[in-house]
Amino acid sequence: MSVILCLLSCSLSIYCCEPFEEITEIIESELQPQSAVIFLHGTGESGPLMREIVESHIGSLSQYPSIRFIFPTAKAIPFRPFPWNGQITTSWIDGNVASIDCEVNYEVLDTSAALIDKWVQDQVLSGIPSDRICNATRGQNEIKTELPPLYLTGAAFDFIVFPSWVEETVQFYKSIGVRVIYNHQPLKSHFINTEALEGLLKFIVQTIDNLPCNK
């Protein structure tokens, strides 16, 4: 019953609310930032709302004094999957249906990727060391790409992103050599929870500390 009520509530809010403004919230660290975390919100949400949700679960992000946290808002687009059905809302991606093998709208995807790339470049220009980006090293005869590790959380009762989709994603990235940490939550649903966020932030901090350029 609670899932049905939630779906009904979410569907009604989609059609009675204007899309969020494209506001980016930045939480500056107390120290000179040595790294940055860019949080991307879910469809229909915003950067400020994402910050509010994160801090409601784990407290003030000032507890990470050397990290700059960035909460951008996606552009408003006609989002096609049910229950939006073309309603204008904020989203980083678009597809014809809510499915792992949907027809991807690459124009929307490319626009989002360009925005994310700009934020990354802005962080480099602001003084965060560029050598902390340790994705590729050039050898004598080839370019060796070193993919960053990936942290994924999946929930057994997720009614939007099905567990099988997450597991398929995990297996795909493992198959191309990515180190994947998969946090499966057997008693959780689609929504952000404290355990998932604490695991994500722990992973981020450990990954930053273990970058080759820090050794």
C-alpha atoms as a PDB file:
ATOM      1  CA  MET A   1       0.000   0.000   0.000  1.00  0.00           C
ATOM      2  CA  SER A   2       2.809   2.440   0.874  1.00  0.00           C
ATOM      3  CA  VAL A   3       4.435   1.885  -2.530  1.00  0.00           C
ATOM      4  CA  ILE A   4       1.122   2.539  -4.306  1.00  0.00           C
ATOM      5  CA  LEU A   5       0.554   5.742  -2.324  1.00  0.00           C
ATOM      6  CA  CYS A   6       4.099   6.889  -3.041  1.00  0.00           C
ATOM      7  CA  LEU A   7       3.713   6.297  -6.774  1.00  0.00           C
ATOM      8  CA  LEU A   8       0.409   8.185  -6.764  1.00  0.00           C
ATOM      9  CA  SER A   9       1.898  11.095  -4.829  1.00  0.00           C
ATOM     10  CA  CYS A  10       4.955  11.297  -7.104  1.00  0.00           C
ATOM     11  CA  SER A  11       2.778  11.155 -10.227  1.00  0.00           C
ATOM     12  CA  LEU A  12       0.506  13.952  -9.036  1.00  0.00           C
ATOM     13  CA  SER A  13       3.440  16.192  -8.053  1.00  0.00           C
ATOM     14  CA  ILE A  14       4.942  15.760 -11.517  1.00  0.00           C
ATOM     15  CA  TYR A  15       1.909  17.311 -13.184  1.00  0.00           C
ATOM     16  CA  CYS A  16       1.156  20.106 -10.713  1.00  0.00           C
ATOM     17  CA  CYS A  17       4.644  21.538 -10.108  1.00  0.00           C
ATOM     18  CA  GLU A  18       6.851  23.724 -12.281  1.00  0.00           C
ATOM     19  CA  PRO A  19      10.387  22.410 -12.987  1.00  0.00           C
ATOM     20  CA  PHE A  20      13.082  23.554 -10.583  1.00  0.00           C
ATOM     21  CA  GLU A  21      15.262  26.505 -11.550  1.00  0.00           C
ATOM     22  CA  GLU A  22      18.765  25.656 -12.781  1.00  0.00           C
ATOM     23  CA  ILE A  23      20.490  26.540  -9.518  1.00  0.00           C
ATOM     24  CA  THR A  24      23.888  25.160  -8.522  1.00  0.00           C
ATOM     25  CA  GLU A  25      24.722  25.097  -4.817  1.00  0.00           C
ATOM     26  CA  ILE A  26      28.362  24.908  -3.752  1.00  0.00           C
ATOM     27  CA  ILE A  27      29.535  24.039  -0.248  1.00  0.00           C
ATOM     28  CA  GLU A  28      33.002  25.459   0.226  1.00  0.00           C
ATOM     29  CA  SER A  29      35.414  23.597   2.460  1.00  0.00           C
ATOM     30  CA  GLU A  30      36.965  25.251   5.493  1.00  0.00           C
ATOM     31  CA  LEU A  31      40.431  24.472   4.161  1.00  0.00           C
ATOM     32  CA  GLN A  32      41.808  25.017   0.675  1.00  0.00           C
ATOM     33  CA  PRO A  33      39.865  22.322  -1.231  1.00  0.00           C
ATOM     34  CA  GLN A  34      42.012  19.464  -2.459  1.00  0.00           C
ATOM     35  CA  SER A  35      39.169  17.636  -4.204  1.00  0.00           C
ATOM     36  CA  ALA A  36      35.586  18.098  -5.315  1.00  0.00           C
ATOM     37  CA  VAL A  37      32.451  15.977  -5.318  1.00  0.00           C
ATOM     38  CA  ILE A  38      29.683  16.671  -7.838  1.00  0.00           C
ATOM     39  CA  PHE A  39      26.313  15.243  -6.790  1.00  0.00           C
ATOM     40  CA  LEU A  40      23.814  14.687  -9.613  1.00  0.00           C
ATOM     41  CA  HIS A  41      20.184  14.578  -8.509  1.00  0.00           C
ATOM     42  CA  GLY A  42      17.441  12.286  -9.734  1.00  0.00           C
ATOM     43  CA  THR A  43      14.845  13.111 -12.384  1.00  0.00           C
ATOM     44  CA  GLY A  44      12.439  15.818 -11.280  1.00  0.00           C
ATOM     45  CA  GLU A  45      14.676  17.083  -8.479  1.00  0.00           C
ATOM     46  CA  SER A  46      17.282  19.862  -8.103  1.00  0.00           C
ATOM     47  CA  GLY A  47      20.742  20.588  -6.742  1.00  0.00           C
ATOM     48  CA  PRO A  48      19.490  22.412  -3.607  1.00  0.00           C
ATOM     49  CA  LEU A  49      16.997  19.620  -2.910  1.00  0.00           C
ATOM     50  CA  MET A  50      19.753  17.012  -3.311  1.00  0.00           C
ATOM     51  CA  ARG A  51      21.917  18.875  -0.806  1.00  0.00           C
ATOM     52  CA  GLU A  52      19.008  19.022   1.634  1.00  0.00           C
ATOM     53  CA  ILE A  53      18.410  15.273   1.295  1.00  0.00           C
ATOM     54  CA  VAL A  54      22.090  14.390   1.725  1.00  0.00           C
ATOM     55  CA  GLU A  55      22.580  16.552   4.800  1.00  0.00           C
ATOM     56  CA  SER A  56      19.328  15.332   6.367  1.00  0.00           C
ATOM     57  CA  HIS A  57      20.843  11.843   6.403  1.00  0.00           C
ATOM     58  CA  ILE A  58      24.512  12.381   7.263  1.00  0.00           C
ATOM     59  CA  GLY A  59      24.676  15.868   8.755  1.00  0.00           C
ATOM     60  CA  SER A  60      26.591  18.923   7.582  1.00  0.00           C
ATOM     61  CA  LEU A  61      29.089  18.297   4.812  1.00  0.00           C
ATOM     62  CA  SER A  62      31.485  20.617   6.607  1.00  0.00           C
ATOM     63  CA  GLN A  63      32.693  17.450   8.354  1.00  0.00           C
ATOM     64  CA  TYR A  64      34.773  16.925   5.188  1.00  0.00           C
ATOM     65  CA  PRO A  65      37.003  20.028   5.497  1.00  0.00           C
ATOM     66  CA  SER A  66      39.101  19.570   2.346  1.00  0.00           C
ATOM     67  CA  ILE A  67      36.321  18.650  -0.117  1.00  0.00           C
ATOM     68  CA  ARG A  68      34.226  21.081  -2.144  1.00  0.00           C
ATOM     69  CA  PHE A  69      30.686  19.765  -2.712  1.00  0.00           C
ATOM     70  CA  ILE A  70      28.796  20.860  -5.812  1.00  0.00           C
ATOM     71  CA  PHE A  71      25.061  20.316  -6.279  1.00  0.00           C
ATOM     72  CA  PRO A  72      24.028  21.357  -9.809  1.00  0.00           C
ATOM     73  CA  THR A  73      20.526  21.266 -11.274  1.00  0.00           C
ATOM     74  CA  ALA A  74      19.863  19.607 -14.629  1.00  0.00           C
ATOM     75  CA  LYS A  75      18.163  21.368 -17.511  1.00  0.00           C
ATOM     76  CA  ALA A  76      14.396  20.989 -17.824  1.00  0.00           C
ATOM     77  CA  ILE A  77      13.469  18.684 -20.708  1.00  0.00           C
ATOM     78  CA  PRO A  78      10.388  16.781 -21.947  1.00  0.00           C
ATOM     79  CA  PHE A  79      11.079  13.526 -20.087  1.00  0.00           C
ATOM     80  CA  ARG A  80       9.431  10.656 -21.934  1.00  0.00           C
ATOM     81  CA  PRO A  81       9.241   7.619 -19.625  1.00  0.00           C
ATOM     82  CA  PHE A  82       6.154   6.859 -17.532  1.00  0.00           C
ATOM     83  CA  PRO A  83       4.818   8.521 -15.423  1.00  0.00           C
ATOM     84  CA  TRP A  84       6.215  11.765 -16.875  1.00  0.00           C
ATOM     85  CA  ASN A  85       5.088  10.957 -20.439  1.00  0.00           C
ATOM     86  CA  GLY A  86       6.778  14.020 -21.940  1.00  0.00           C
ATOM     87  CA  GLN A  87       6.166  16.370 -19.018  1.00  0.00           C
ATOM     88  CA  ILE A  88       8.821  19.101 -18.692  1.00  0.00           C
ATOM     89  CA  THR A  89      11.083  18.274 -15.761  1.00  0.00           C
ATOM     90  CA  THR A  90      14.740  18.417 -14.700  1.00  0.00           C
ATOM     91  CA  SER A  91      16.771  15.420 -15.855  1.00  0.00           C
ATOM     92  CA  TRP A  92      20.310  14.533 -16.922  1.00  0.00           C
ATOM     93  CA  ILE A  93      19.136  11.793 -19.257  1.00  0.00           C
ATOM     94  CA  ASP A  94      16.164  10.856 -21.424  1.00  0.00           C
ATOM     95  CA  GLY A  95      14.935   7.656 -23.016  1.00  0.00           C
ATOM     96  CA  ASN A  96      11.781   6.476 -24.690  1.00  0.00           C
ATOM     97  CA  VAL A  97      10.863   4.147 -21.785  1.00  0.00           C
ATOM     98  CA  ALA A  98      12.059   3.364 -18.276  1.00  0.00           C
ATOM     99  CA  SER A  99      14.225   0.374 -19.167  1.00  0.00           C
ATOM    100  CA  ILE A 100      17.898  -0.581 -19.096  1.00  0.00           C
ATOM    101  CA  ASP A 101      17.784  -1.076 -22.877  1.00  0.00           C
ATOM    102  CA  CYS A 102      15.782   2.046 -23.713  1.00  0.00           C
ATOM    103  CA  GLU A 103      16.327   4.229 -26.774  1.00  0.00           C
ATOM    104  CA  VAL A 104      18.716   6.883 -25.437  1.00  0.00           C
ATOM    105  CA  ASN A 105      18.321  10.562 -26.336  1.00  0.00           C
ATOM    106  CA  TYR A 106      21.975  11.355 -26.996  1.00  0.00           C
ATOM    107  CA  GLU A 107      21.338  15.069 -27.499  1.00  0.00           C
ATOM    108  CA  VAL A 108      20.244  15.344 -23.848  1.00  0.00           C
ATOM    109  CA  LEU A 109      23.079  13.065 -22.719  1.00  0.00           C
ATOM    110  CA  ASP A 110      25.720  15.056 -24.608  1.00  0.00           C
ATOM    111  CA  THR A 111      24.399  18.342 -23.179  1.00  0.00           C
ATOM    112  CA  SER A 112      24.592  16.959 -19.638  1.00  0.00           C
ATOM    113  CA  ALA A 113      28.084  15.572 -20.246  1.00  0.00           C
ATOM    114  CA  ALA A 114      29.265  18.968 -21.499  1.00  0.00           C
ATOM    115  CA  LEU A 115      27.916  20.674 -18.381  1.00  0.00           C
ATOM    116  CA  ILE A 116      29.619  18.160 -16.096  1.00  0.00           C
ATOM    117  CA  ASP A 117      32.890  18.573 -18.000  1.00  0.00           C
ATOM    118  CA  LYS A 118      32.658  22.348 -17.522  1.00  0.00           C
ATOM    119  CA  TRP A 119      32.205  21.955 -13.760  1.00  0.00           C
ATOM    120  CA  VAL A 120      35.206  19.640 -13.630  1.00  0.00           C
ATOM    121  CA  GLN A 121      37.322  22.146 -15.560  1.00  0.00           C
ATOM    122  CA  ASP A 122      36.108  24.948 -13.280  1.00  0.00           C
ATOM    123  CA  GLN A 123      37.419  23.006 -10.290  1.00  0.00           C
ATOM    124  CA  VAL A 124      40.837  22.625 -11.899  1.00  0.00           C
ATOM    125  CA  LEU A 125      40.927  26.345 -12.673  1.00  0.00           C
ATOM    126  CA  SER A 126      39.930  27.156  -9.080  1.00  0.00           C
ATOM    127  CA  GLY A 127      43.084  25.502  -7.776  1.00  0.00           C
ATOM    128  CA  ILE A 128      42.236  21.861  -7.187  1.00  0.00           C
ATOM    129  CA  PRO A 129      45.381  20.072  -8.443  1.00  0.00           C
ATOM    130  CA  SER A 130      44.961  18.693 -11.945  1.00  0.00           C
ATOM    131  CA  ASP A 131      47.251  15.753 -11.134  1.00  0.00           C
ATOM    132  CA  ARG A 132      44.487  14.369  -8.920  1.00  0.00           C
ATOM    133  CA  ILE A 133      42.776  13.366 -12.167  1.00  0.00           C
ATOM    134  CA  CYS A 134      44.605  10.072 -12.637  1.00  0.00           C
ATOM    135  CA  ASN A 135      42.612   8.491 -15.510  1.00  0.00           C
ATOM    136  CA  ALA A 136      45.189   7.924 -18.198  1.00  0.00           C
ATOM    137  CA  THR A 137      48.948   7.467 -18.481  1.00  0.00           C
ATOM    138  CA  ARG A 138      50.831   7.579 -21.763  1.00  0.00           C
ATOM    139  CA  GLY A 139      53.315   4.764 -22.354  1.00  0.00           C
ATOM    140  CA  GLN A 140      56.018   4.544 -25.022  1.00  0.00           C
ATOM    141  CA  ASN A 141      53.830   2.954 -27.688  1.00  0.00           C
ATOM    142  CA  GLU A 142      50.298   3.171 -26.331  1.00  0.00           C
ATOM    143  CA  ILE A 143      47.899   5.036 -24.109  1.00  0.00           C
ATOM    144  CA  LYS A 144      46.943   2.941 -21.099  1.00  0.00           C
ATOM    145  CA  THR A 145      43.530   3.910 -19.749  1.00  0.00           C
ATOM    146  CA  GLU A 146      43.089   3.349 -16.038  1.00  0.00           C
ATOM    147  CA  LEU A 147      39.400   3.440 -15.230  1.00  0.00           C
ATOM    148  CA  PRO A 148      38.398   4.780 -11.802  1.00  0.00           C
ATOM    149  CA  PRO A 149      36.659   2.472  -9.310  1.00  0.00           C
ATOM    150  CA  LEU A 150      32.868   2.437  -9.169  1.00  0.00           C
ATOM    151  CA  TYR A 151      30.517   2.337  -6.179  1.00  0.00           C
ATOM    152  CA  LEU A 152      26.941   1.187  -6.772  1.00  0.00           C
ATOM    153  CA  THR A 153      24.031   0.786  -4.396  1.00  0.00           C
ATOM    154  CA  GLY A 154      21.029  -1.318  -5.332  1.00  0.00           C
ATOM    155  CA  ALA A 155      17.881  -2.076  -3.340  1.00  0.00           C
ATOM    156  CA  ALA A 156      15.821  -5.260  -3.407  1.00  0.00           C
ATOM    157  CA  PHE A 157      12.533  -3.344  -3.333  1.00  0.00           C
ATOM    158  CA  ASP A 158      13.449  -0.609  -5.797  1.00  0.00           C
ATOM    159  CA  PHE A 159      10.363  -0.192  -8.004  1.00  0.00           C
ATOM    160  CA  ILE A 160      12.045   2.232 -10.447  1.00  0.00           C
ATOM    161  CA  VAL A 161      15.609   0.941 -10.918  1.00  0.00           C
ATOM    162  CA  PHE A 162      15.146  -2.819 -10.747  1.00  0.00           C
ATOM    163  CA  PRO A 163      17.819  -4.855  -8.908  1.00  0.00           C
ATOM    164  CA  SER A 164      18.490  -6.907 -12.045  1.00  0.00           C
ATOM    165  CA  TRP A 165      19.472  -3.706 -13.883  1.00  0.00           C
ATOM    166  CA  VAL A 166      21.986  -2.804 -11.183  1.00  0.00           C
ATOM    167  CA  GLU A 167      23.429  -6.324 -11.175  1.00  0.00           C
ATOM    168  CA  GLU A 168      23.739  -6.245 -14.975  1.00  0.00           C
ATOM    169  CA  THR A 169      25.557  -2.906 -14.707  1.00  0.00           C
ATOM    170  CA  VAL A 170      27.906  -4.336 -12.083  1.00  0.00           C
ATOM    171  CA  GLN A 171      28.784  -7.294 -14.303  1.00  0.00           C
ATOM    172  CA  PHE A 172      29.331  -5.055 -17.346  1.00  0.00           C
ATOM    173  CA  TYR A 173      31.807  -2.778 -15.574  1.00  0.00           C
ATOM    174  CA  LYS A 174      33.616  -5.732 -14.039  1.00  0.00           C
ATOM    175  CA  SER A 175      33.946  -7.251 -17.510  1.00  0.00           C
ATOM    176  CA  ILE A 176      35.864  -4.201 -18.751  1.00  0.00           C
ATOM    177  CA  GLY A 177      38.226  -4.172 -15.805  1.00  0.00           C
ATOM    178  CA  VAL A 178      36.585  -1.694 -13.443  1.00  0.00           C
ATOM    179  CA  ARG A 179      36.887  -2.368  -9.721  1.00  0.00           C
ATOM    180  CA  VAL A 180      33.281  -2.334  -8.535  1.00  0.00           C
ATOM    181  CA  ILE A 181      32.033  -2.078  -4.964  1.00  0.00           C
ATOM    182  CA  TYR A 182      28.385  -3.171  -4.942  1.00  0.00           C
ATOM    183  CA  ASN A 183      26.287  -2.340  -1.889  1.00  0.00           C
ATOM    184  CA  HIS A 184      23.121  -4.441  -2.181  1.00  0.00           C
ATOM    185  CA  GLN A 185      20.421  -3.436   0.299  1.00  0.00           C
ATOM    186  CA  PRO A 186      17.965  -6.324   0.805  1.00  0.00           C
ATOM    187  CA  LEU A 187      15.424  -4.352   2.865  1.00  0.00           C
ATOM    188  CA  LYS A 188      15.475  -0.958   1.121  1.00  0.00           C
ATOM    189  CA  SER A 189      13.552   0.667  -1.749  1.00  0.00           C
ATOM    190  CA  HIS A 190      14.349   3.339  -4.340  1.00  0.00           C
ATOM    191  CA  PHE A 191      14.914   6.265  -2.024  1.00  0.00           C
ATOM    192  CA  ILE A 192      18.199   7.588  -0.645  1.00  0.00           C
ATOM    193  CA  ASN A 193      18.974   6.327   2.842  1.00  0.00           C
ATOM    194  CA  THR A 194      21.614   6.942   5.484  1.00  0.00           C
ATOM    195  CA  GLU A 195      23.458   3.646   5.012  1.00  0.00           C
ATOM    196  CA  ALA A 196      23.818   4.195   1.258  1.00  0.00           C
ATOM    197  CA  LEU A 197      25.125   7.748   1.680  1.00  0.00           C
ATOM    198  CA  GLU A 198      27.568   6.839   4.445  1.00  0.00           C
ATOM    199  CA  GLY A 199      28.933   4.037   2.268  1.00  0.00           C
ATOM    200  CA  LEU A 200      29.271   6.381  -0.706  1.00  0.00           C
ATOM    201  CA  LEU A 201      31.116   9.094   1.254  1.00  0.00           C
ATOM    202  CA  LYS A 202      33.429   6.515   2.834  1.00  0.00           C
ATOM    203  CA  PHE A 203      34.213   5.183  -0.646  1.00  0.00           C
ATOM    204  CA  ILE A 204      34.876   8.702  -1.992  1.00  0.00           C
ATOM    205  CA  VAL A 205      37.250   9.636   0.833  1.00  0.00           C
ATOM    206  CA  GLN A 206      39.162   6.346   0.588  1.00  0.00           C
ATOM    207  CA  THR A 207      39.422   6.657  -3.196  1.00  0.00           C
ATOM    208  CA  ILE A 208      40.765  10.203  -2.956  1.00  0.00           C
ATOM    209  CA  ASP A 209      43.325   9.156  -0.330  1.00  0.00           C
ATOM    210  CA  ASN A 210      44.505   6.215  -2.448  1.00  0.00           C
ATOM    211  CA  LEU A 211      44.982   8.055  -5.736  1.00  0.00           C
ATOM    212  CA  PRO A 212      48.381   7.270  -7.283  1.00  0.00           C
ATOM    213  CA  CYS A 213      49.218  10.955  -7.307  1.00  0.00           C
ATOM    214  CA  ASN A 214      48.889  11.039  -3.505  1.00  0.00           C
ATOM    215  CA  LYS A 215      51.420   8.286  -2.905  1.00  0.00           C
END
